[in-house]
PDB file of all heavy atoms in Angstrom:
ATOM      1  N   ALA A   1      67.790 105.601 103.082  1.00  0.00           N
ATOM      2  CA  ALA A   1      68.364 104.304 103.447  1.00  0.00           C
ATOM      3  C   ALA A   1      69.765 104.159 102.858  1.00  0.00           C
ATOM      4  O   ALA A   1      70.700 103.701 103.533  1.00  0.00           O
ATOM      5  CB  ALA A   1      67.464 103.174 102.980  1.00  0.00           C
ATOM      6  N   ALA A   2      69.918 104.555 101.592  1.00  0.00           N
ATOM      7  CA  ALA A   2      71.236 104.495 100.952  1.00  0.00           C
ATOM      8  C   ALA A   2      72.212 105.444 101.643  1.00  0.00           C
ATOM      9  O   ALA A   2      73.399 105.125 101.813  1.00  0.00           O
ATOM     10  CB  ALA A   2      71.115 104.846  99.475  1.00  0.00           C
ATOM     11  N   TYR A   3      71.722 106.603 102.070  1.00  0.00           N
ATOM     12  CA  TYR A   3      72.580 107.582 102.739  1.00  0.00           C
ATOM     13  C   TYR A   3      73.066 107.056 104.083  1.00  0.00           C
ATOM     14  O   TYR A   3      74.230 107.260 104.456  1.00  0.00           O
ATOM     15  CB  TYR A   3      71.811 108.893 102.920  1.00  0.00           C
ATOM     16  CG  TYR A   3      72.631 110.023 103.481  1.00  0.00           C
ATOM     17  CD1 TYR A   3      73.637 110.620 102.721  1.00  0.00           C
ATOM     18  CD2 TYR A   3      72.405 110.503 104.763  1.00  0.00           C
ATOM     19  CE1 TYR A   3      74.390 111.665 103.231  1.00  0.00           C
ATOM     20  CE2 TYR A   3      73.153 111.549 105.284  1.00  0.00           C
ATOM     21  CZ  TYR A   3      74.140 112.124 104.507  1.00  0.00           C
ATOM     22  OH  TYR A   3      74.891 113.162 105.012  1.00  0.00           O
ATOM     23  N   THR A   4      72.195 106.366 104.827  1.00  0.00           N
ATOM     24  CA  THR A   4      72.624 105.811 106.113  1.00  0.00           C
ATOM     25  C   THR A   4      73.697 104.736 105.925  1.00  0.00           C
ATOM     26  O   THR A   4      74.633 104.651 106.721  1.00  0.00           O
ATOM     27  CB  THR A   4      71.436 105.229 106.903  1.00  0.00           C
ATOM     28  OG1 THR A   4      70.842 104.161 106.171  1.00  0.00           O
ATOM     29  CG2 THR A   4      70.389 106.292 107.182  1.00  0.00           C
ATOM     30  N   VAL A   5      73.574 103.936 104.867  1.00  0.00           N
ATOM     31  CA  VAL A   5      74.607 102.932 104.573  1.00  0.00           C
ATOM     32  C   VAL A   5      75.938 103.625 104.288  1.00  0.00           C
ATOM     33  O   VAL A   5      77.005 103.213 104.776  1.00  0.00           O
ATOM     34  CB  VAL A   5      74.182 102.045 103.387  1.00  0.00           C
ATOM     35  CG1 VAL A   5      75.343 101.156 102.932  1.00  0.00           C
ATOM     36  CG2 VAL A   5      72.976 101.187 103.764  1.00  0.00           C
ATOM     37  N   TYR A   6      75.882 104.706 103.510  1.00  0.00           N
ATOM     38  CA  TYR A   6      77.072 105.498 103.196  1.00  0.00           C
ATOM     39  C   TYR A   6      77.734 106.022 104.471  1.00  0.00           C
ATOM     40  O   TYR A   6      78.954 105.896 104.667  1.00  0.00           O
ATOM     41  CB  TYR A   6      76.664 106.654 102.281  1.00  0.00           C
ATOM     42  CG  TYR A   6      77.631 107.799 102.201  1.00  0.00           C
ATOM     43  CD1 TYR A   6      78.754 107.747 101.374  1.00  0.00           C
ATOM     44  CD2 TYR A   6      77.404 108.966 102.933  1.00  0.00           C
ATOM     45  CE1 TYR A   6      79.633 108.821 101.299  1.00  0.00           C
ATOM     46  CE2 TYR A   6      78.282 110.037 102.861  1.00  0.00           C
ATOM     47  CZ  TYR A   6      79.395 109.957 102.046  1.00  0.00           C
ATOM     48  OH  TYR A   6      80.265 111.016 101.975  1.00  0.00           O
ATOM     49  N   LEU A   7      76.926 106.564 105.383  1.00  0.00           N
ATOM     50  CA  LEU A   7      77.475 107.101 106.630  1.00  0.00           C
ATOM     51  C   LEU A   7      78.075 106.001 107.496  1.00  0.00           C
ATOM     52  O   LEU A   7      79.144 106.182 108.091  1.00  0.00           O
ATOM     53  CB  LEU A   7      76.384 107.833 107.405  1.00  0.00           C
ATOM     54  CG  LEU A   7      75.895 109.164 106.832  1.00  0.00           C
ATOM     55  CD1 LEU A   7      74.758 109.714 107.690  1.00  0.00           C
ATOM     56  CD2 LEU A   7      77.026 110.175 106.724  1.00  0.00           C
ATOM     57  N   LEU A   8      77.412 104.862 107.576  1.00  0.00           N
ATOM     58  CA  LEU A   8      77.906 103.764 108.400  1.00  0.00           C
ATOM     59  C   LEU A   8      79.227 103.216 107.869  1.00  0.00           C
ATOM     60  O   LEU A   8      80.116 102.841 108.656  1.00  0.00           O
ATOM     61  CB  LEU A   8      76.862 102.650 108.473  1.00  0.00           C
ATOM     62  CG  LEU A   8      75.638 102.957 109.345  1.00  0.00           C
ATOM     63  CD1 LEU A   8      74.556 101.904 109.133  1.00  0.00           C
ATOM     64  CD2 LEU A   8      76.026 103.042 110.827  1.00  0.00           C
ATOM     65  N   GLU A   9      79.379 103.176 106.541  1.00  0.00           N
ATOM     66  CA  GLU A   9      80.648 102.720 105.976  1.00  0.00           C
ATOM     67  C   GLU A   9      81.771 103.702 106.309  1.00  0.00           C
ATOM     68  O   GLU A   9      82.894 103.297 106.606  1.00  0.00           O
ATOM     69  CB  GLU A   9      80.517 102.538 104.465  1.00  0.00           C
ATOM     70  CG  GLU A   9      79.760 101.283 104.062  1.00  0.00           C
ATOM     71  CD  GLU A   9      80.462 100.007 104.523  1.00  0.00           C
ATOM     72  OE1 GLU A   9      81.707  99.963 104.538  1.00  0.00           O
ATOM     73  OE2 GLU A   9      79.754  99.050 104.890  1.00  0.00           O
ATOM     74  N   HIS A  10      81.460 104.998 106.278  1.00  0.00           N
ATOM     75  CA  HIS A  10      82.474 105.993 106.636  1.00  0.00           C
ATOM     76  C   HIS A  10      82.822 105.899 108.121  1.00  0.00           C
ATOM     77  O   HIS A  10      83.978 106.092 108.500  1.00  0.00           O
ATOM     78  CB  HIS A  10      81.983 107.400 106.278  1.00  0.00           C
ATOM     79  CG  HIS A  10      82.266 107.776 104.865  1.00  0.00           C
ATOM     80  ND1 HIS A  10      83.341 108.549 104.502  1.00  0.00           N
ATOM     81  CD2 HIS A  10      81.644 107.457 103.710  1.00  0.00           C
ATOM     82  CE1 HIS A  10      83.363 108.694 103.188  1.00  0.00           C
ATOM     83  NE2 HIS A  10      82.343 108.044 102.686  1.00  0.00           N
ATOM     84  N   ARG A  11      81.826 105.619 108.944  1.00  0.00           N
ATOM     85  CA  ARG A  11      82.100 105.454 110.367  1.00  0.00           C
ATOM     86  C   ARG A  11      82.995 104.236 110.595  1.00  0.00           C
ATOM     87  O   ARG A  11      83.936 104.291 111.391  1.00  0.00           O
ATOM     88  CB  ARG A  11      80.789 105.278 111.141  1.00  0.00           C
ATOM     89  CG  ARG A  11      80.992 105.152 112.647  1.00  0.00           C
ATOM     90  CD  ARG A  11      79.651 105.000 113.349  1.00  0.00           C
ATOM     91  NE  ARG A  11      79.801 105.030 114.790  1.00  0.00           N
ATOM     92  CZ  ARG A  11      80.079 103.983 115.556  1.00  0.00           C
ATOM     93  NH1 ARG A  11      80.233 102.788 114.981  1.00  0.00           N
ATOM     94  NH2 ARG A  11      80.201 104.100 116.855  1.00  0.00           N
ATOM     95  N   ARG A  12      82.714 103.154 109.894  1.00  0.00           N
ATOM     96  CA  ARG A  12      83.541 101.958 110.040  1.00  0.00           C
ATOM     97  C   ARG A  12      84.974 102.231 109.602  1.00  0.00           C
ATOM     98  O   ARG A  12      85.926 101.803 110.264  1.00  0.00           O
ATOM     99  CB  ARG A  12      82.939 100.826 109.205  1.00  0.00           C
ATOM    100  CG  ARG A  12      83.779  99.563 109.205  1.00  0.00           C
ATOM    101  CD  ARG A  12      83.093  98.446 108.466  1.00  0.00           C
ATOM    102  NE  ARG A  12      83.959  97.280 108.354  1.00  0.00           N
ATOM    103  CZ  ARG A  12      83.536  96.038 108.343  1.00  0.00           C
ATOM    104  NH1 ARG A  12      82.249  95.774 108.452  1.00  0.00           N
ATOM    105  NH2 ARG A  12      84.375  95.036 108.226  1.00  0.00           N
ATOM    106  N   ASN A  13      85.129 102.968 108.509  1.00  0.00           N
ATOM    107  CA  ASN A  13      86.474 103.299 108.044  1.00  0.00           C
ATOM    108  C   ASN A  13      87.209 104.158 109.065  1.00  0.00           C
ATOM    109  O   ASN A  13      88.400 103.931 109.349  1.00  0.00           O
ATOM    110  CB  ASN A  13      86.394 104.013 106.697  1.00  0.00           C
ATOM    111  CG  ASN A  13      87.754 104.358 106.140  1.00  0.00           C
ATOM    112  OD1 ASN A  13      88.158 105.525 106.128  1.00  0.00           O
ATOM    113  ND2 ASN A  13      88.486 103.368 105.668  1.00  0.00           N
ATOM    114  N   ALA A  14      86.507 105.143 109.635  1.00  0.00           N
ATOM    115  CA  ALA A  14      87.123 105.994 110.653  1.00  0.00           C
ATOM    116  C   ALA A  14      87.511 105.180 111.882  1.00  0.00           C
ATOM    117  O   ALA A  14      88.588 105.379 112.471  1.00  0.00           O
ATOM    118  CB  ALA A  14      86.165 107.118 111.051  1.00  0.00           C
ATOM    119  N   ARG A  15      86.666 104.222 112.272  1.00  0.00           N
ATOM    120  CA  ARG A  15      86.977 103.358 113.410  1.00  0.00           C
ATOM    121  C   ARG A  15      88.232 102.528 113.146  1.00  0.00           C
ATOM    122  O   ARG A  15      89.134 102.447 113.995  1.00  0.00           O
ATOM    123  CB  ARG A  15      85.800 102.425 113.676  1.00  0.00           C
ATOM    124  CG  ARG A  15      85.981 101.461 114.831  1.00  0.00           C
ATOM    125  CD  ARG A  15      85.098 100.241 114.670  1.00  0.00           C
ATOM    126  NE  ARG A  15      85.499  99.422 113.523  1.00  0.00           N
ATOM    127  CZ  ARG A  15      84.787  98.395 113.055  1.00  0.00           C
ATOM    128  NH1 ARG A  15      83.621  98.088 113.602  1.00  0.00           N
ATOM    129  NH2 ARG A  15      85.221  97.691 112.016  1.00  0.00           N
ATOM    130  N   ASP A  16      88.321 101.935 111.953  1.00  0.00           N
ATOM    131  CA  ASP A  16      89.471 101.093 111.630  1.00  0.00           C
ATOM    132  C   ASP A  16      90.758 101.917 111.584  1.00  0.00           C
ATOM    133  O   ASP A  16      91.812 101.470 112.062  1.00  0.00           O
ATOM    134  CB  ASP A  16      89.249 100.384 110.292  1.00  0.00           C
ATOM    135  CG  ASP A  16      88.135  99.345 110.361  1.00  0.00           C
ATOM    136  OD1 ASP A  16      87.706  99.003 111.481  1.00  0.00           O
ATOM    137  OD2 ASP A  16      87.679  98.889 109.298  1.00  0.00           O
ATOM    138  N   LEU A  17      90.682 103.128 111.013  1.00  0.00           N
ATOM    139  CA  LEU A  17      91.871 103.978 110.944  1.00  0.00           C
ATOM    140  C   LEU A  17      92.255 104.498 112.326  1.00  0.00           C
ATOM    141  O   LEU A  17      93.443 104.669 112.618  1.00  0.00           O
ATOM    142  CB  LEU A  17      91.618 105.140 109.982  1.00  0.00           C
ATOM    143  CG  LEU A  17      91.507 104.757 108.506  1.00  0.00           C
ATOM    144  CD1 LEU A  17      91.121 105.968 107.659  1.00  0.00           C
ATOM    145  CD2 LEU A  17      92.828 104.169 108.001  1.00  0.00           C
ATOM    146  N   TRP A  18      91.259 104.754 113.178  1.00  0.00           N
ATOM    147  CA  TRP A  18      91.543 105.164 114.558  1.00  0.00           C
ATOM    148  C   TRP A  18      92.306 104.063 115.292  1.00  0.00           C
ATOM    149  O   TRP A  18      93.322 104.333 115.953  1.00  0.00           O
ATOM    150  CB  TRP A  18      90.232 105.470 115.287  1.00  0.00           C
ATOM    151  CG  TRP A  18      90.384 105.576 116.772  1.00  0.00           C
ATOM    152  CD1 TRP A  18      91.157 106.475 117.455  1.00  0.00           C
ATOM    153  CD2 TRP A  18      89.760 104.753 117.759  1.00  0.00           C
ATOM    154  NE1 TRP A  18      91.052 106.259 118.812  1.00  0.00           N
ATOM    155  CE2 TRP A  18      90.194 105.209 119.027  1.00  0.00           C
ATOM    156  CE3 TRP A  18      88.861 103.692 117.705  1.00  0.00           C
ATOM    157  CZ2 TRP A  18      89.771 104.630 120.222  1.00  0.00           C
ATOM    158  CZ3 TRP A  18      88.437 103.119 118.885  1.00  0.00           C
ATOM    159  CH2 TRP A  18      88.889 103.580 120.122  1.00  0.00           C
ATOM    160  N   ILE A  19      91.853 102.825 115.154  1.00  0.00           N
ATOM    161  CA  ILE A  19      92.535 101.703 115.802  1.00  0.00           C
ATOM    162  C   ILE A  19      93.967 101.597 115.288  1.00  0.00           C
ATOM    163  O   ILE A  19      94.919 101.426 116.071  1.00  0.00           O
ATOM    164  CB  ILE A  19      91.762 100.401 115.547  1.00  0.00           C
ATOM    165  CG1 ILE A  19      90.413 100.420 116.286  1.00  0.00           C
ATOM    166  CG2 ILE A  19      92.587  99.187 115.979  1.00  0.00           C
ATOM    167  CD1 ILE A  19      89.476  99.308 115.872  1.00  0.00           C
ATOM    168  N   GLU A  20      94.139 101.701 113.981  1.00  0.00           N
ATOM    169  CA  GLU A  20      95.483 101.622 113.399  1.00  0.00           C
ATOM    170  C   GLU A  20      96.382 102.731 113.939  1.00  0.00           C
ATOM    171  O   GLU A  20      97.546 102.488 114.307  1.00  0.00           O
ATOM    172  CB  GLU A  20      95.391 101.725 111.874  1.00  0.00           C
ATOM    173  CG  GLU A  20      96.742 101.672 111.186  1.00  0.00           C
ATOM    174  CD  GLU A  20      96.649 101.812 109.678  1.00  0.00           C
ATOM    175  OE1 GLU A  20      95.516 101.740 109.134  1.00  0.00           O
ATOM    176  OE2 GLU A  20      97.696 102.005 109.041  1.00  0.00           O
ATOM    177  N   ALA A  21      95.838 103.957 113.995  1.00  0.00           N
ATOM    178  CA  ALA A  21      96.638 105.090 114.478  1.00  0.00           C
ATOM    179  C   ALA A  21      97.017 104.920 115.945  1.00  0.00           C
ATOM    180  O   ALA A  21      98.148 105.231 116.348  1.00  0.00           O
ATOM    181  CB  ALA A  21      95.875 106.396 114.275  1.00  0.00           C
ATOM    182  N   GLU A  22      96.096 104.422 116.762  1.00  0.00           N
ATOM    183  CA  GLU A  22      96.386 104.219 118.187  1.00  0.00           C
ATOM    184  C   GLU A  22      97.499 103.175 118.367  1.00  0.00           C
ATOM    185  O   GLU A  22      98.413 103.361 119.177  1.00  0.00           O
ATOM    186  CB  GLU A  22      95.118 103.765 118.924  1.00  0.00           C
ATOM    187  CG  GLU A  22      94.024 104.820 119.008  1.00  0.00           C
ATOM    188  CD  GLU A  22      94.294 105.871 120.069  1.00  0.00           C
ATOM    189  OE1 GLU A  22      95.448 106.040 120.514  1.00  0.00           O
ATOM    190  OE2 GLU A  22      93.321 106.554 120.456  1.00  0.00           O
ATOM    191  N   ILE A  23      97.422 102.085 117.621  1.00  0.00           N
ATOM    192  CA  ILE A  23      98.453 101.041 117.740  1.00  0.00           C
ATOM    193  C   ILE A  23      99.792 101.564 117.244  1.00  0.00           C
ATOM    194  O   ILE A  23     100.837 101.346 117.869  1.00  0.00           O
ATOM    195  CB  ILE A  23      98.019  99.775 116.971  1.00  0.00           C
ATOM    196  CG1 ILE A  23      96.811  99.125 117.664  1.00  0.00           C
ATOM    197  CG2 ILE A  23      99.170  98.771 116.880  1.00  0.00           C
ATOM    198  CD1 ILE A  23      96.240  97.938 116.923  1.00  0.00           C
ATOM    199  N   ARG A  24      99.780 102.275 116.139  1.00  0.00           N
ATOM    200  CA  ARG A  24     101.019 102.849 115.614  1.00  0.00           C
ATOM    201  C   ARG A  24     101.667 103.814 116.608  1.00  0.00           C
ATOM    202  O   ARG A  24     102.894 103.921 116.676  1.00  0.00           O
ATOM    203  CB  ARG A  24     100.743 103.600 114.307  1.00  0.00           C
ATOM    204  CG  ARG A  24     100.589 102.742 113.081  1.00  0.00           C
ATOM    205  CD  ARG A  24     100.660 103.646 111.869  1.00  0.00           C
ATOM    206  NE  ARG A  24     100.287 102.996 110.634  1.00  0.00           N
ATOM    207  CZ  ARG A  24     100.320 103.580 109.449  1.00  0.00           C
ATOM    208  NH1 ARG A  24     100.694 104.856 109.356  1.00  0.00           N
ATOM    209  NH2 ARG A  24      99.982 102.929 108.359  1.00  0.00           N
ATOM    210  N   SER A  25     100.829 104.528 117.350  1.00  0.00           N
ATOM    211  CA  SER A  25     101.368 105.527 118.287  1.00  0.00           C
ATOM    212  C   SER A  25     101.838 104.902 119.599  1.00  0.00           C
ATOM    213  O   SER A  25     102.252 105.620 120.512  1.00  0.00           O
ATOM    214  CB  SER A  25     100.312 106.602 118.569  1.00  0.00           C
ATOM    215  OG  SER A  25      99.217 106.065 119.288  1.00  0.00           O
ATOM    216  N   GLY A  26     101.753 103.563 119.697  1.00  0.00           N
ATOM    217  CA  GLY A  26     102.259 102.865 120.870  1.00  0.00           C
ATOM    218  C   GLY A  26     101.229 102.606 121.955  1.00  0.00           C
ATOM    219  O   GLY A  26     101.589 102.183 123.056  1.00  0.00           O
ATOM    220  N   ARG A  27      99.956 102.813 121.655  1.00  0.00           N
ATOM    221  CA  ARG A  27      98.907 102.622 122.657  1.00  0.00           C
ATOM    222  C   ARG A  27      98.237 101.252 122.500  1.00  0.00           C
ATOM    223  O   ARG A  27      97.032 101.106 122.710  1.00  0.00           O
ATOM    224  CB  ARG A  27      97.866 103.743 122.551  1.00  0.00           C
ATOM    225  CG  ARG A  27      98.374 105.081 123.058  1.00  0.00           C
ATOM    226  CD  ARG A  27      97.374 106.210 122.820  1.00  0.00           C
ATOM    227  NE  ARG A  27      96.026 105.865 123.218  1.00  0.00           N
ATOM    228  CZ  ARG A  27      95.551 105.953 124.456  1.00  0.00           C
ATOM    229  NH1 ARG A  27      96.355 106.363 125.443  1.00  0.00           N
ATOM    230  NH2 ARG A  27      94.300 105.634 124.738  1.00  0.00           N
ATOM    231  N   HIS A  28      99.024 100.236 122.130  1.00  0.00           N
ATOM    232  CA  HIS A  28      98.443  98.914 121.888  1.00  0.00           C
ATOM    233  C   HIS A  28      97.834  98.308 123.150  1.00  0.00           C
ATOM    234  O   HIS A  28      96.802  97.647 123.083  1.00  0.00           O
ATOM    235  CB  HIS A  28      99.494  97.966 121.292  1.00  0.00           C
ATOM    236  CG  HIS A  28     100.843  98.086 121.890  1.00  0.00           C
ATOM    237  ND1 HIS A  28     101.769  99.021 121.448  1.00  0.00           N
ATOM    238  CD2 HIS A  28     101.436  97.409 122.911  1.00  0.00           C
ATOM    239  CE1 HIS A  28     102.880  98.901 122.167  1.00  0.00           C
ATOM    240  NE2 HIS A  28     102.689  97.933 123.062  1.00  0.00           N
ATOM    241  N   ARG A  29      98.477  98.512 124.293  1.00  0.00           N
ATOM    242  CA  ARG A  29      97.924  97.948 125.537  1.00  0.00           C
ATOM    243  C   ARG A  29      96.587  98.614 125.888  1.00  0.00           C
ATOM    244  O   ARG A  29      95.642  97.943 126.317  1.00  0.00           O
ATOM    245  CB  ARG A  29      98.909  98.116 126.694  1.00  0.00           C
ATOM    246  CG  ARG A  29     100.122  97.200 126.608  1.00  0.00           C
ATOM    247  CD  ARG A  29     101.014  97.324 127.830  1.00  0.00           C
ATOM    248  NE  ARG A  29     102.139  96.387 127.772  1.00  0.00           N
ATOM    249  CZ  ARG A  29     103.265  96.626 127.118  1.00  0.00           C
ATOM    250  NH1 ARG A  29     103.418  97.787 126.486  1.00  0.00           N
ATOM    251  NH2 ARG A  29     104.245  95.730 127.106  1.00  0.00           N
ATOM    252  N   GLU A  30      96.530  99.934 125.715  1.00  0.00           N
ATOM    253  CA  GLU A  30      95.298 100.648 126.022  1.00  0.00           C
ATOM    254  C   GLU A  30      94.140 100.240 125.108  1.00  0.00           C
ATOM    255  O   GLU A  30      92.973 100.370 125.490  1.00  0.00           O
ATOM    256  CB  GLU A  30      95.518 102.171 125.907  1.00  0.00           C
ATOM    257  CG  GLU A  30      96.428 102.767 126.963  1.00  0.00           C
ATOM    258  CD  GLU A  30      97.904 102.650 126.628  1.00  0.00           C
ATOM    259  OE1 GLU A  30      98.253 101.900 125.686  1.00  0.00           O
ATOM    260  OE2 GLU A  30      98.714 103.319 127.291  1.00  0.00           O
ATOM    261  N   MET A  31      94.454  99.742 123.919  1.00  0.00           N
ATOM    262  CA  MET A  31      93.415  99.387 122.956  1.00  0.00           C
ATOM    263  C   MET A  31      92.898  97.969 123.131  1.00  0.00           C
ATOM    264  O   MET A  31      91.918  97.586 122.481  1.00  0.00           O
ATOM    265  CB  MET A  31      93.955  99.555 121.523  1.00  0.00           C
ATOM    266  CG  MET A  31      94.223 100.999 121.133  1.00  0.00           C
ATOM    267  SD  MET A  31      92.731 102.004 121.232  1.00  0.00           S
ATOM    268  CE  MET A  31      91.747 101.295 119.907  1.00  0.00           C
ATOM    269  N   LEU A  32      93.522  97.170 123.990  1.00  0.00           N
ATOM    270  CA  LEU A  32      93.119  95.768 124.109  1.00  0.00           C
ATOM    271  C   LEU A  32      91.668  95.626 124.562  1.00  0.00           C
ATOM    272  O   LEU A  32      90.915  94.797 124.029  1.00  0.00           O
ATOM    273  CB  LEU A  32      94.050  95.023 125.074  1.00  0.00           C
ATOM    274  CG  LEU A  32      95.444  94.714 124.528  1.00  0.00           C
ATOM    275  CD1 LEU A  32      96.323  94.102 125.615  1.00  0.00           C
ATOM    276  CD2 LEU A  32      95.354  93.776 123.318  1.00  0.00           C
ATOM    277  N   GLY A  33      91.251  96.407 125.541  1.00  0.00           N
ATOM    278  CA  GLY A  33      89.871  96.322 126.013  1.00  0.00           C
ATOM    279  C   GLY A  33      88.880  96.696 124.928  1.00  0.00           C
ATOM    280  O   GLY A  33      87.843  96.035 124.746  1.00  0.00           O
ATOM    281  N   VAL A  34      89.186  97.765 124.191  1.00  0.00           N
ATOM    282  CA  VAL A  34      88.319  98.194 123.077  1.00  0.00           C
ATOM    283  C   VAL A  34      88.220  97.100 122.039  1.00  0.00           C
ATOM    284  O   VAL A  34      87.122  96.755 121.562  1.00  0.00           O
ATOM    285  CB  VAL A  34      88.870  99.489 122.449  1.00  0.00           C
ATOM    286  CG1 VAL A  34      88.084  99.859 121.195  1.00  0.00           C
ATOM    287  CG2 VAL A  34      88.837 100.631 123.444  1.00  0.00           C
ATOM    288  N   LEU A  35      89.356  96.530 121.668  1.00  0.00           N
ATOM    289  CA  LEU A  35      89.371  95.515 120.619  1.00  0.00           C
ATOM    290  C   LEU A  35      88.695  94.225 121.068  1.00  0.00           C
ATOM    291  O   LEU A  35      88.007  93.569 120.275  1.00  0.00           O
ATOM    292  CB  LEU A  35      90.813  95.254 120.182  1.00  0.00           C
ATOM    293  CG  LEU A  35      91.442  96.393 119.384  1.00  0.00           C
ATOM    294  CD1 LEU A  35      92.955  96.231 119.297  1.00  0.00           C
ATOM    295  CD2 LEU A  35      90.843  96.461 117.982  1.00  0.00           C
ATOM    296  N   ARG A  36      88.867  93.855 122.327  1.00  0.00           N
ATOM    297  CA  ARG A  36      88.175  92.669 122.848  1.00  0.00           C
ATOM    298  C   ARG A  36      86.658  92.870 122.755  1.00  0.00           C
ATOM    299  O   ARG A  36      85.910  91.973 122.365  1.00  0.00           O
ATOM    300  CB  ARG A  36      88.570  92.418 124.307  1.00  0.00           C
ATOM    301  CG  ARG A  36      89.958  91.872 124.518  1.00  0.00           C
ATOM    302  CD  ARG A  36      90.058  90.406 124.105  1.00  0.00           C
ATOM    303  NE  ARG A  36      91.247  89.771 124.676  1.00  0.00           N
ATOM    304  CZ  ARG A  36      91.680  88.600 124.293  1.00  0.00           C
ATOM    305  NH1 ARG A  36      91.055  87.926 123.341  1.00  0.00           N
ATOM    306  NH2 ARG A  36      92.762  88.066 124.833  1.00  0.00           N
ATOM    307  N   SER A  37      86.220  94.057 123.135  1.00  0.00           N
ATOM    308  CA  SER A  37      84.789  94.349 123.101  1.00  0.00           C
ATOM    309  C   SER A  37      84.253  94.337 121.670  1.00  0.00           C
ATOM    310  O   SER A  37      83.193  93.757 121.390  1.00  0.00           O
ATOM    311  CB  SER A  37      84.529  95.718 123.740  1.00  0.00           C
ATOM    312  OG  SER A  37      83.175  96.079 123.612  1.00  0.00           O
ATOM    313  N   LEU A  38      85.007  94.949 120.746  1.00  0.00           N
ATOM    314  CA  LEU A  38      84.557  95.020 119.351  1.00  0.00           C
ATOM    315  C   LEU A  38      84.516  93.643 118.702  1.00  0.00           C
ATOM    316  O   LEU A  38      83.586  93.323 117.953  1.00  0.00           O
ATOM    317  CB  LEU A  38      85.474  95.950 118.556  1.00  0.00           C
ATOM    318  CG  LEU A  38      85.307  97.450 118.834  1.00  0.00           C
ATOM    319  CD1 LEU A  38      86.434  98.239 118.172  1.00  0.00           C
ATOM    320  CD2 LEU A  38      83.956  97.949 118.335  1.00  0.00           C
ATOM    321  N   THR A  39      85.518  92.808 118.968  1.00  0.00           N
ATOM    322  CA  THR A  39      85.526  91.478 118.357  1.00  0.00           C
ATOM    323  C   THR A  39      84.465  90.570 118.964  1.00  0.00           C
ATOM    324  O   THR A  39      83.934  89.686 118.286  1.00  0.00           O
ATOM    325  CB  THR A  39      86.913  90.816 118.485  1.00  0.00           C
ATOM    326  OG1 THR A  39      87.328  90.835 119.865  1.00  0.00           O
ATOM    327  CG2 THR A  39      87.943  91.526 117.626  1.00  0.00           C
ATOM    328  N   THR A  40      84.136  90.790 120.215  1.00  0.00           N
ATOM    329  CA  THR A  40      83.037  90.023 120.817  1.00  0.00           C
ATOM    330  C   THR A  40      81.712  90.387 120.164  1.00  0.00           C
ATOM    331  O   THR A  40      80.870  89.521 119.891  1.00  0.00           O
ATOM    332  CB  THR A  40      82.961  90.292 122.328  1.00  0.00           C
ATOM    333  OG1 THR A  40      84.185  89.868 122.939  1.00  0.00           O
ATOM    334  CG2 THR A  40      81.802  89.546 122.960  1.00  0.00           C
ATOM    335  N   ALA A  41      81.528  91.686 119.890  1.00  0.00           N
ATOM    336  CA  ALA A  41      80.288  92.137 119.247  1.00  0.00           C
ATOM    337  C   ALA A  41      80.256  91.799 117.756  1.00  0.00           C
ATOM    338  O   ALA A  41      79.171  91.674 117.172  1.00  0.00           O
ATOM    339  CB  ALA A  41      80.131  93.642 119.439  1.00  0.00           C
ATOM    340  N   ASN A  42      81.443  91.654 117.138  1.00  0.00           N
ATOM    341  CA  ASN A  42      81.530  91.372 115.694  1.00  0.00           C
ATOM    342  C   ASN A  42      82.473  90.190 115.486  1.00  0.00           C
ATOM    343  O   ASN A  42      83.598  90.353 114.991  1.00  0.00           O
ATOM    344  CB  ASN A  42      82.060  92.607 114.948  1.00  0.00           C
ATOM    345  CG  ASN A  42      81.235  93.848 115.219  1.00  0.00           C
ATOM    346  OD1 ASN A  42      80.234  94.103 114.577  1.00  0.00           O
ATOM    347  ND2 ASN A  42      81.665  94.634 116.196  1.00  0.00           N
ATOM    348  N   PRO A  43      82.043  88.976 115.849  1.00  0.00           N
ATOM    349  CA  PRO A  43      82.974  87.840 115.934  1.00  0.00           C
ATOM    350  C   PRO A  43      83.581  87.407 114.601  1.00  0.00           C
ATOM    351  O   PRO A  43      84.620  86.744 114.609  1.00  0.00           O
ATOM    352  CB  PRO A  43      82.108  86.722 116.529  1.00  0.00           C
ATOM    353  CG  PRO A  43      80.701  87.126 116.229  1.00  0.00           C
ATOM    354  CD  PRO A  43      80.684  88.619 116.272  1.00  0.00           C
TER     355      PRO A  43
END
């Protein structure tokens, strides 16, 4: 159970850094749908 929490936190960190990298690289418009979906699921 502790190991799954560890993995999920790493996945969340990778997701957040992926979003940051995509926006930095100029793909902000392409990320809008992804971000809308994620914020709807995690309000």
